[in-house]
N, C-alpha and C. Protein backbone atom coordinates (compact mmCIF):
# COMPACT_ATOMS: atom_id res chain seq x y z
N MET A 1 9.08 17.90 23.39
CA MET A 1 9.57 16.66 23.94
C MET A 1 8.42 15.66 23.99
N VAL A 2 8.69 14.47 23.53
CA VAL A 2 7.69 13.41 23.55
C VAL A 2 8.25 12.27 24.38
N LEU A 3 7.51 11.89 25.39
CA LEU A 3 7.91 10.74 26.21
C LEU A 3 6.65 9.94 26.50
N LEU A 4 6.53 8.81 25.82
CA LEU A 4 5.35 7.96 25.99
C LEU A 4 5.46 7.19 27.30
N ASN A 5 4.33 6.95 27.92
CA ASN A 5 4.36 6.13 29.13
C ASN A 5 4.15 4.66 28.74
N GLU A 6 4.33 3.77 29.70
CA GLU A 6 4.22 2.33 29.43
C GLU A 6 2.84 1.96 28.89
N PHE A 7 1.80 2.59 29.42
CA PHE A 7 0.45 2.30 28.96
C PHE A 7 0.28 2.67 27.48
N GLN A 8 0.81 3.82 27.08
CA GLN A 8 0.69 4.25 25.68
C GLN A 8 1.46 3.32 24.75
N ILE A 9 2.65 2.90 25.16
CA ILE A 9 3.44 1.99 24.34
C ILE A 9 2.71 0.65 24.21
N LYS A 10 2.21 0.14 25.33
CA LYS A 10 1.47 -1.13 25.32
C LYS A 10 0.21 -1.01 24.45
N SER A 11 -0.46 0.12 24.56
CA SER A 11 -1.66 0.34 23.77
C SER A 11 -1.35 0.34 22.27
N LEU A 12 -0.26 0.99 21.88
CA LEU A 12 0.15 1.00 20.47
C LEU A 12 0.44 -0.42 19.99
N LEU A 13 1.23 -1.15 20.76
CA LEU A 13 1.62 -2.50 20.36
C LEU A 13 0.42 -3.46 20.35
N ASP A 14 -0.47 -3.31 21.31
CA ASP A 14 -1.67 -4.15 21.36
C ASP A 14 -2.64 -3.84 20.22
N SER A 15 -2.52 -2.66 19.63
CA SER A 15 -3.41 -2.26 18.54
C SER A 15 -2.93 -2.74 17.17
N CYS A 16 -1.80 -3.41 17.15
CA CYS A 16 -1.26 -3.96 15.90
C CYS A 16 -1.95 -5.27 15.56
N ASN A 17 -2.40 -5.39 14.32
CA ASN A 17 -3.05 -6.62 13.88
C ASN A 17 -2.09 -7.57 13.17
N HIS A 18 -0.93 -7.08 12.77
CA HIS A 18 0.01 -7.87 11.98
C HIS A 18 1.43 -7.70 12.51
N VAL A 19 2.26 -8.69 12.25
CA VAL A 19 3.65 -8.68 12.70
C VAL A 19 4.40 -7.48 12.12
N HIS A 20 4.15 -7.15 10.86
CA HIS A 20 4.89 -6.03 10.26
C HIS A 20 4.58 -4.71 10.98
N GLN A 21 3.37 -4.56 11.48
CA GLN A 21 3.01 -3.34 12.21
C GLN A 21 3.75 -3.28 13.54
N ARG A 22 3.72 -4.38 14.27
CA ARG A 22 4.40 -4.44 15.56
C ARG A 22 5.91 -4.24 15.37
N THR A 23 6.47 -4.85 14.34
CA THR A 23 7.91 -4.73 14.07
C THR A 23 8.28 -3.28 13.78
N PHE A 24 7.49 -2.60 12.96
CA PHE A 24 7.76 -1.20 12.64
C PHE A 24 7.75 -0.35 13.91
N ILE A 25 6.72 -0.52 14.73
CA ILE A 25 6.58 0.29 15.94
C ILE A 25 7.68 -0.04 16.95
N MET A 26 8.02 -1.30 17.10
CA MET A 26 9.10 -1.67 18.01
C MET A 26 10.41 -1.02 17.57
N LEU A 27 10.71 -1.06 16.28
CA LEU A 27 11.93 -0.44 15.77
C LEU A 27 11.92 1.07 16.00
N ALA A 28 10.79 1.70 15.77
CA ALA A 28 10.70 3.15 15.95
C ALA A 28 10.86 3.56 17.41
N ILE A 29 10.18 2.87 18.30
CA ILE A 29 10.23 3.21 19.72
C ILE A 29 11.60 2.92 20.34
N TYR A 30 12.19 1.79 19.97
CA TYR A 30 13.39 1.33 20.66
C TYR A 30 14.71 1.60 19.93
N THR A 31 14.64 2.27 18.77
CA THR A 31 15.89 2.65 18.08
C THR A 31 15.91 4.12 17.68
N GLY A 32 14.75 4.74 17.57
CA GLY A 32 14.69 6.12 17.12
C GLY A 32 14.94 6.26 15.63
N MET A 33 14.87 5.17 14.90
CA MET A 33 15.08 5.23 13.46
C MET A 33 13.93 5.98 12.78
N ARG A 34 14.26 6.62 11.67
CA ARG A 34 13.25 7.34 10.89
C ARG A 34 12.39 6.35 10.11
N HIS A 35 11.20 6.81 9.72
CA HIS A 35 10.23 6.03 8.94
C HIS A 35 10.90 5.34 7.75
N THR A 36 11.61 6.10 6.93
CA THR A 36 12.24 5.53 5.73
C THR A 36 13.39 4.59 6.07
N GLU A 37 14.08 4.85 7.17
CA GLU A 37 15.18 3.97 7.58
C GLU A 37 14.63 2.60 8.00
N ILE A 38 13.51 2.60 8.67
CA ILE A 38 12.89 1.34 9.10
C ILE A 38 12.43 0.54 7.90
N LEU A 39 11.78 1.20 6.97
CA LEU A 39 11.26 0.49 5.80
C LEU A 39 12.38 0.00 4.88
N SER A 40 13.55 0.63 4.93
CA SER A 40 14.70 0.23 4.10
C SER A 40 15.58 -0.82 4.78
N LEU A 41 15.35 -1.08 6.06
CA LEU A 41 16.21 -1.96 6.84
C LEU A 41 16.15 -3.40 6.35
N LYS A 42 17.33 -3.97 6.06
CA LYS A 42 17.43 -5.36 5.63
C LYS A 42 17.99 -6.21 6.77
N TRP A 43 17.64 -7.49 6.74
CA TRP A 43 18.14 -8.41 7.76
C TRP A 43 19.66 -8.49 7.75
N ASP A 44 20.27 -8.27 6.59
CA ASP A 44 21.74 -8.27 6.49
C ASP A 44 22.37 -7.15 7.32
N ASP A 45 21.58 -6.15 7.68
CA ASP A 45 22.08 -5.00 8.45
C ASP A 45 21.77 -5.12 9.94
N VAL A 46 21.16 -6.22 10.34
CA VAL A 46 20.83 -6.48 11.74
C VAL A 46 21.80 -7.54 12.26
N PHE A 47 22.60 -7.14 13.23
CA PHE A 47 23.62 -8.03 13.80
C PHE A 47 23.21 -8.39 15.23
N LEU A 48 22.40 -9.43 15.34
CA LEU A 48 21.85 -9.82 16.63
C LEU A 48 22.94 -10.19 17.63
N GLU A 49 23.97 -10.91 17.17
CA GLU A 49 25.03 -11.33 18.08
C GLU A 49 25.85 -10.14 18.60
N LYS A 50 25.95 -9.08 17.81
CA LYS A 50 26.67 -7.88 18.24
C LYS A 50 25.74 -6.85 18.88
N LYS A 51 24.44 -7.14 18.85
CA LYS A 51 23.41 -6.29 19.44
C LYS A 51 23.39 -4.89 18.82
N LEU A 52 23.41 -4.87 17.47
CA LEU A 52 23.38 -3.58 16.78
C LEU A 52 22.77 -3.69 15.40
N ILE A 53 22.38 -2.53 14.90
CA ILE A 53 21.89 -2.37 13.54
C ILE A 53 22.85 -1.41 12.85
N LYS A 54 23.22 -1.76 11.64
CA LYS A 54 24.07 -0.86 10.85
C LYS A 54 23.21 -0.27 9.74
N LEU A 55 23.00 1.03 9.83
CA LEU A 55 22.22 1.72 8.80
C LEU A 55 23.17 2.18 7.69
N ARG A 56 22.90 1.75 6.49
CA ARG A 56 23.75 2.11 5.35
C ARG A 56 23.54 3.57 4.96
N ALA A 57 24.61 4.19 4.50
CA ALA A 57 24.58 5.61 4.15
C ALA A 57 23.45 5.94 3.18
N LYS A 58 23.21 5.08 2.21
CA LYS A 58 22.19 5.38 1.20
C LYS A 58 20.77 5.39 1.76
N THR A 59 20.58 4.83 2.96
CA THR A 59 19.23 4.78 3.55
C THR A 59 19.00 5.84 4.63
N THR A 60 20.04 6.60 4.99
CA THR A 60 19.89 7.59 6.06
C THR A 60 19.72 9.00 5.50
N LYS A 61 19.11 9.84 6.27
CA LYS A 61 18.87 11.23 5.86
C LYS A 61 20.18 11.98 5.62
N ALA A 62 21.16 11.77 6.51
CA ALA A 62 22.44 12.47 6.41
C ALA A 62 23.40 11.80 5.41
N LYS A 63 22.97 10.68 4.83
CA LYS A 63 23.79 9.92 3.88
C LYS A 63 25.11 9.48 4.49
N ARG A 64 25.06 9.13 5.80
CA ARG A 64 26.22 8.60 6.52
C ARG A 64 25.82 7.29 7.18
N THR A 65 26.72 6.32 7.11
CA THR A 65 26.48 5.06 7.81
C THR A 65 26.46 5.33 9.30
N ARG A 66 25.56 4.67 10.00
CA ARG A 66 25.55 4.81 11.45
C ARG A 66 25.15 3.51 12.12
N ILE A 67 25.55 3.41 13.37
CA ILE A 67 25.29 2.21 14.17
C ILE A 67 24.24 2.55 15.22
N VAL A 68 23.24 1.67 15.35
CA VAL A 68 22.17 1.85 16.33
C VAL A 68 22.19 0.62 17.24
N PRO A 69 22.28 0.83 18.55
CA PRO A 69 22.30 -0.32 19.47
C PRO A 69 20.92 -0.98 19.57
N LEU A 70 20.95 -2.28 19.81
CA LEU A 70 19.71 -3.04 20.03
C LEU A 70 19.56 -3.27 21.53
N ILE A 71 18.50 -2.71 22.09
CA ILE A 71 18.24 -2.94 23.52
C ILE A 71 17.63 -4.34 23.69
N PRO A 72 17.75 -4.92 24.88
CA PRO A 72 17.32 -6.32 25.09
C PRO A 72 15.91 -6.66 24.60
N ILE A 73 14.92 -5.81 24.87
CA ILE A 73 13.54 -6.15 24.47
C ILE A 73 13.42 -6.25 22.95
N LEU A 74 14.09 -5.37 22.22
CA LEU A 74 14.04 -5.40 20.77
C LEU A 74 14.88 -6.56 20.22
N LEU A 75 16.00 -6.81 20.83
CA LEU A 75 16.86 -7.93 20.44
C LEU A 75 16.09 -9.25 20.54
N LYS A 76 15.41 -9.42 21.66
CA LYS A 76 14.62 -10.64 21.87
C LYS A 76 13.49 -10.75 20.84
N TYR A 77 12.81 -9.63 20.59
CA TYR A 77 11.72 -9.62 19.61
C TYR A 77 12.23 -9.99 18.22
N LEU A 78 13.30 -9.37 17.78
CA LEU A 78 13.83 -9.63 16.44
C LEU A 78 14.34 -11.06 16.29
N THR A 79 14.79 -11.64 17.38
CA THR A 79 15.28 -13.02 17.36
C THR A 79 14.15 -14.00 17.06
N PHE A 80 12.94 -13.68 17.51
CA PHE A 80 11.84 -14.63 17.41
C PHE A 80 10.87 -14.40 16.24
N ILE A 81 10.97 -13.28 15.55
CA ILE A 81 10.02 -13.09 14.44
C ILE A 81 10.51 -13.82 13.20
N LYS A 82 9.57 -14.23 12.39
CA LYS A 82 9.87 -14.97 11.16
C LYS A 82 10.37 -14.00 10.10
N GLN A 83 11.44 -14.38 9.41
CA GLN A 83 11.98 -13.55 8.34
C GLN A 83 11.27 -13.91 7.03
N GLU A 84 10.33 -13.04 6.63
CA GLU A 84 9.52 -13.29 5.43
C GLU A 84 10.20 -12.90 4.13
N CYS A 85 11.09 -11.93 4.19
CA CYS A 85 11.80 -11.46 3.00
C CYS A 85 13.13 -10.85 3.45
N ASP A 86 13.87 -10.24 2.53
CA ASP A 86 15.18 -9.71 2.93
C ASP A 86 15.08 -8.43 3.76
N HIS A 87 13.92 -7.78 3.77
CA HIS A 87 13.70 -6.60 4.60
C HIS A 87 13.08 -7.01 5.94
N VAL A 88 13.38 -6.26 6.97
CA VAL A 88 12.88 -6.60 8.30
C VAL A 88 11.38 -6.38 8.39
N VAL A 89 10.89 -5.30 7.82
CA VAL A 89 9.45 -5.02 7.82
C VAL A 89 8.87 -5.46 6.49
N CYS A 90 8.19 -6.60 6.52
CA CYS A 90 7.59 -7.20 5.32
C CYS A 90 6.11 -7.47 5.54
N TYR A 91 5.38 -7.48 4.45
CA TYR A 91 3.98 -7.86 4.51
C TYR A 91 3.70 -8.76 3.32
N LEU A 92 3.22 -9.94 3.59
CA LEU A 92 2.95 -10.94 2.57
C LEU A 92 4.19 -11.23 1.72
N GLY A 93 5.34 -11.29 2.39
CA GLY A 93 6.59 -11.65 1.72
C GLY A 93 7.24 -10.55 0.90
N ARG A 94 6.69 -9.33 0.99
CA ARG A 94 7.26 -8.21 0.22
C ARG A 94 7.62 -7.06 1.13
N LYS A 95 8.62 -6.31 0.70
CA LYS A 95 9.04 -5.10 1.41
C LYS A 95 7.86 -4.14 1.51
N LEU A 96 7.68 -3.56 2.68
CA LEU A 96 6.63 -2.56 2.87
C LEU A 96 7.14 -1.22 2.34
N VAL A 97 6.34 -0.51 1.60
CA VAL A 97 6.76 0.75 0.99
C VAL A 97 6.33 1.95 1.82
N ILE A 98 5.19 1.86 2.46
CA ILE A 98 4.69 2.97 3.28
C ILE A 98 3.95 2.40 4.49
N PHE A 99 3.94 3.17 5.57
CA PHE A 99 3.33 2.70 6.81
C PHE A 99 2.20 3.61 7.29
N ARG A 100 1.95 4.69 6.61
CA ARG A 100 1.01 5.70 7.10
C ARG A 100 -0.43 5.19 7.28
N LYS A 101 -0.92 4.35 6.39
CA LYS A 101 -2.29 3.83 6.53
C LYS A 101 -2.39 2.94 7.77
N SER A 102 -1.40 2.06 7.94
CA SER A 102 -1.38 1.21 9.15
C SER A 102 -1.31 2.08 10.39
N TRP A 103 -0.46 3.12 10.34
CA TRP A 103 -0.28 4.02 11.48
C TRP A 103 -1.61 4.65 11.89
N SER A 104 -2.35 5.12 10.93
CA SER A 104 -3.64 5.76 11.20
C SER A 104 -4.60 4.78 11.89
N THR A 105 -4.64 3.56 11.41
CA THR A 105 -5.51 2.53 12.00
C THR A 105 -5.07 2.20 13.42
N ILE A 106 -3.78 2.05 13.62
CA ILE A 106 -3.24 1.68 14.94
C ILE A 106 -3.48 2.79 15.96
N THR A 107 -3.18 4.03 15.60
CA THR A 107 -3.34 5.13 16.56
C THR A 107 -4.81 5.37 16.89
N LYS A 108 -5.67 5.17 15.92
CA LYS A 108 -7.10 5.33 16.18
C LYS A 108 -7.56 4.26 17.18
N LYS A 109 -7.16 3.02 16.95
CA LYS A 109 -7.53 1.91 17.83
C LYS A 109 -6.94 2.10 19.23
N ALA A 110 -5.73 2.67 19.30
CA ALA A 110 -5.06 2.88 20.59
C ALA A 110 -5.54 4.14 21.31
N GLY A 111 -6.34 4.97 20.62
CA GLY A 111 -6.80 6.23 21.21
C GLY A 111 -5.70 7.28 21.28
N LEU A 112 -4.76 7.20 20.36
CA LEU A 112 -3.63 8.14 20.33
C LEU A 112 -3.54 8.83 18.98
N THR A 113 -4.66 9.35 18.52
CA THR A 113 -4.72 9.93 17.17
C THR A 113 -3.83 11.17 17.01
N HIS A 114 -3.45 11.80 18.10
CA HIS A 114 -2.58 12.98 18.04
C HIS A 114 -1.12 12.61 17.76
N LEU A 115 -0.78 11.35 17.93
CA LEU A 115 0.60 10.88 17.83
C LEU A 115 1.01 10.71 16.36
N ARG A 116 2.20 11.23 16.01
CA ARG A 116 2.74 11.08 14.67
C ARG A 116 3.82 9.99 14.69
N ILE A 117 4.09 9.39 13.55
CA ILE A 117 5.14 8.37 13.46
C ILE A 117 6.45 8.93 13.98
N HIS A 118 6.78 10.14 13.58
CA HIS A 118 8.06 10.76 13.97
C HIS A 118 8.16 10.99 15.48
N ASP A 119 7.02 11.04 16.16
CA ASP A 119 7.02 11.20 17.62
C ASP A 119 7.68 10.01 18.32
N LEU A 120 7.66 8.85 17.69
CA LEU A 120 8.32 7.68 18.28
C LEU A 120 9.83 7.89 18.29
N ARG A 121 10.34 8.55 17.27
CA ARG A 121 11.77 8.92 17.23
C ARG A 121 12.07 9.92 18.33
N HIS A 122 11.21 10.93 18.46
CA HIS A 122 11.39 11.94 19.52
C HIS A 122 11.36 11.26 20.90
N HIS A 123 10.48 10.29 21.08
CA HIS A 123 10.39 9.55 22.34
C HIS A 123 11.74 8.92 22.67
N PHE A 124 12.30 8.21 21.71
CA PHE A 124 13.56 7.51 21.93
C PHE A 124 14.69 8.49 22.28
N ILE A 125 14.79 9.57 21.52
CA ILE A 125 15.87 10.54 21.75
C ILE A 125 15.67 11.24 23.10
N THR A 126 14.44 11.56 23.43
CA THR A 126 14.14 12.16 24.73
C THR A 126 14.52 11.21 25.86
N LEU A 127 14.22 9.94 25.68
CA LEU A 127 14.57 8.93 26.68
C LEU A 127 16.09 8.86 26.88
N LEU A 128 16.84 8.90 25.79
CA LEU A 128 18.30 8.91 25.90
C LEU A 128 18.77 10.15 26.67
N THR A 129 18.20 11.29 26.33
CA THR A 129 18.60 12.56 26.95
C THR A 129 18.29 12.55 28.44
N THR A 130 17.08 12.16 28.81
CA THR A 130 16.68 12.18 30.22
C THR A 130 17.38 11.09 31.03
N SER A 131 17.98 10.12 30.32
CA SER A 131 18.73 9.06 30.99
C SER A 131 20.19 9.44 31.20
N GLY A 132 20.58 10.62 30.73
CA GLY A 132 21.93 11.10 30.95
C GLY A 132 22.96 10.66 29.91
N VAL A 133 22.51 10.14 28.77
CA VAL A 133 23.44 9.75 27.72
C VAL A 133 24.06 11.04 27.15
N PRO A 134 25.39 11.08 26.99
CA PRO A 134 26.04 12.28 26.47
C PRO A 134 25.53 12.67 25.07
N ASN A 135 25.43 13.97 24.84
CA ASN A 135 24.90 14.48 23.57
C ASN A 135 25.63 13.96 22.35
N ARG A 136 26.93 13.81 22.45
CA ARG A 136 27.72 13.35 21.30
C ARG A 136 27.32 11.93 20.90
N ILE A 137 27.04 11.08 21.88
CA ILE A 137 26.61 9.71 21.60
C ILE A 137 25.20 9.72 21.02
N ILE A 138 24.34 10.55 21.58
CA ILE A 138 22.97 10.67 21.07
C ILE A 138 23.01 11.14 19.62
N GLN A 139 23.87 12.10 19.33
CA GLN A 139 24.01 12.61 17.96
C GLN A 139 24.35 11.48 17.00
N GLU A 140 25.27 10.63 17.38
CA GLU A 140 25.68 9.51 16.53
C GLU A 140 24.55 8.50 16.34
N ILE A 141 23.89 8.13 17.42
CA ILE A 141 22.81 7.15 17.34
C ILE A 141 21.65 7.70 16.51
N ALA A 142 21.29 8.96 16.74
CA ALA A 142 20.14 9.56 16.06
C ALA A 142 20.46 9.96 14.62
N GLY A 143 21.74 10.13 14.33
CA GLY A 143 22.12 10.53 12.98
C GLY A 143 21.91 12.01 12.72
N HIS A 144 21.98 12.82 13.78
CA HIS A 144 21.84 14.26 13.61
C HIS A 144 23.08 14.81 12.90
N GLY A 145 22.85 15.70 11.95
CA GLY A 145 23.94 16.28 11.17
C GLY A 145 24.87 17.15 12.00
N ASN A 146 24.34 17.76 13.06
CA ASN A 146 25.18 18.60 13.91
C ASN A 146 24.71 18.47 15.36
N LEU A 147 25.59 18.86 16.25
CA LEU A 147 25.32 18.73 17.68
C LEU A 147 24.19 19.65 18.14
N ALA A 148 24.01 20.77 17.45
CA ALA A 148 22.94 21.72 17.82
C ALA A 148 21.57 21.05 17.77
N MET A 149 21.37 20.17 16.80
CA MET A 149 20.10 19.46 16.68
C MET A 149 19.86 18.59 17.92
N THR A 150 20.89 17.91 18.36
CA THR A 150 20.79 17.05 19.55
C THR A 150 20.58 17.89 20.80
N GLU A 151 21.25 19.03 20.88
CA GLU A 151 21.16 19.87 22.07
C GLU A 151 19.77 20.44 22.29
N ARG A 152 18.95 20.47 21.25
CA ARG A 152 17.55 20.90 21.43
C ARG A 152 16.86 19.99 22.44
N TYR A 153 17.19 18.72 22.40
CA TYR A 153 16.60 17.77 23.35
C TYR A 153 17.12 18.01 24.76
N SER A 154 18.36 18.45 24.88
CA SER A 154 18.93 18.75 26.21
C SER A 154 18.17 19.90 26.85
N ASN A 155 17.87 20.91 26.06
CA ASN A 155 17.10 22.05 26.58
C ASN A 155 15.72 21.60 27.03
N LEU A 156 15.12 20.72 26.25
CA LEU A 156 13.81 20.19 26.63
C LEU A 156 13.93 19.34 27.88
N SER A 157 15.04 18.66 28.01
CA SER A 157 15.27 17.82 29.18
C SER A 157 15.31 18.66 30.45
N VAL A 158 15.95 19.84 30.38
CA VAL A 158 16.01 20.74 31.53
C VAL A 158 14.59 21.17 31.92
N ASP A 159 13.77 21.49 30.91
CA ASP A 159 12.38 21.86 31.19
C ASP A 159 11.65 20.70 31.86
N HIS A 160 11.89 19.50 31.39
CA HIS A 160 11.26 18.30 31.95
C HIS A 160 11.68 18.13 33.42
N ILE A 161 12.96 18.29 33.69
CA ILE A 161 13.47 18.15 35.05
C ILE A 161 12.85 19.19 35.96
N GLU A 162 12.75 20.43 35.48
CA GLU A 162 12.13 21.50 36.28
C GLU A 162 10.66 21.19 36.56
N GLU A 163 9.98 20.64 35.56
CA GLU A 163 8.57 20.29 35.71
C GLU A 163 8.41 19.20 36.79
N VAL A 164 9.25 18.17 36.71
CA VAL A 164 9.21 17.09 37.69
C VAL A 164 9.53 17.62 39.08
N ALA A 165 10.53 18.49 39.17
CA ALA A 165 10.91 19.08 40.47
C ALA A 165 9.73 19.87 41.04
N GLY A 166 9.03 20.59 40.19
CA GLY A 166 7.86 21.33 40.64
C GLY A 166 6.77 20.43 41.17
N GLU A 167 6.54 19.31 40.50
CA GLU A 167 5.53 18.34 40.94
C GLU A 167 5.91 17.75 42.30
N ILE A 168 7.18 17.40 42.45
CA ILE A 168 7.66 16.84 43.72
C ILE A 168 7.50 17.87 44.83
N SER A 169 7.86 19.11 44.52
CA SER A 169 7.76 20.18 45.50
C SER A 169 6.30 20.36 45.96
N ASN A 170 5.39 20.34 45.02
CA ASN A 170 3.96 20.48 45.35
C ASN A 170 3.48 19.33 46.24
N LYS A 171 3.92 18.12 45.97
CA LYS A 171 3.51 16.97 46.77
C LYS A 171 4.09 17.06 48.17
N LEU A 172 5.34 17.52 48.27
CA LEU A 172 5.96 17.65 49.59
C LEU A 172 5.26 18.72 50.44
N LYS A 173 4.86 19.81 49.79
CA LYS A 173 4.12 20.86 50.51
C LYS A 173 2.84 20.32 51.10
N LEU A 174 2.14 19.49 50.29
CA LEU A 174 0.88 18.92 50.75
C LEU A 174 1.11 18.00 51.94
N ASP A 175 2.18 17.21 51.90
CA ASP A 175 2.46 16.27 52.98
C ASP A 175 2.81 17.03 54.27
N ILE A 176 3.53 18.13 54.15
CA ILE A 176 3.93 18.91 55.33
C ILE A 176 2.72 19.57 55.97
N LEU A 177 1.78 19.99 55.17
CA LEU A 177 0.61 20.68 55.67
C LEU A 177 -0.38 19.77 56.37
N LYS A 178 -0.23 18.49 56.22
CA LYS A 178 -1.18 17.53 56.83
C LYS A 178 -0.96 17.40 58.31
């Protein structure tokens, strides 16, 4: 389970030197889209007024069209960035083909070298799970081929809840002993 804290997210975003880098990371953190889905995303598939992104079947791993909701922070960001080309993530007016070199530079600058691009997807799905979103909805948003894949996050969520409960219990013991 990967769940970034606010400081880590801010550090990643502050470590971006270009709009295309920030756009890629914002999409990954706030939609859970895969690396290739982000790079394939066209402005024609972003429906700001409906607050959603429509991923075309040919660009998804499962080869199925899916809808991804736009949360307010991402909606606001996408509304204000300049559209340089027909793809959402562009550099010098051209579609970006790969993000790994930028990722390495950004994570090094942010002090998060252990973090993988795919971890941003895990962060988003974990956030949905720990927020109580039903597994079936998470499956649709994440584009998981079967419910078993989504349920892996539910099991991790239980572990997370037990861990938090243990921390609370330890703090309460300390307060009682004072």
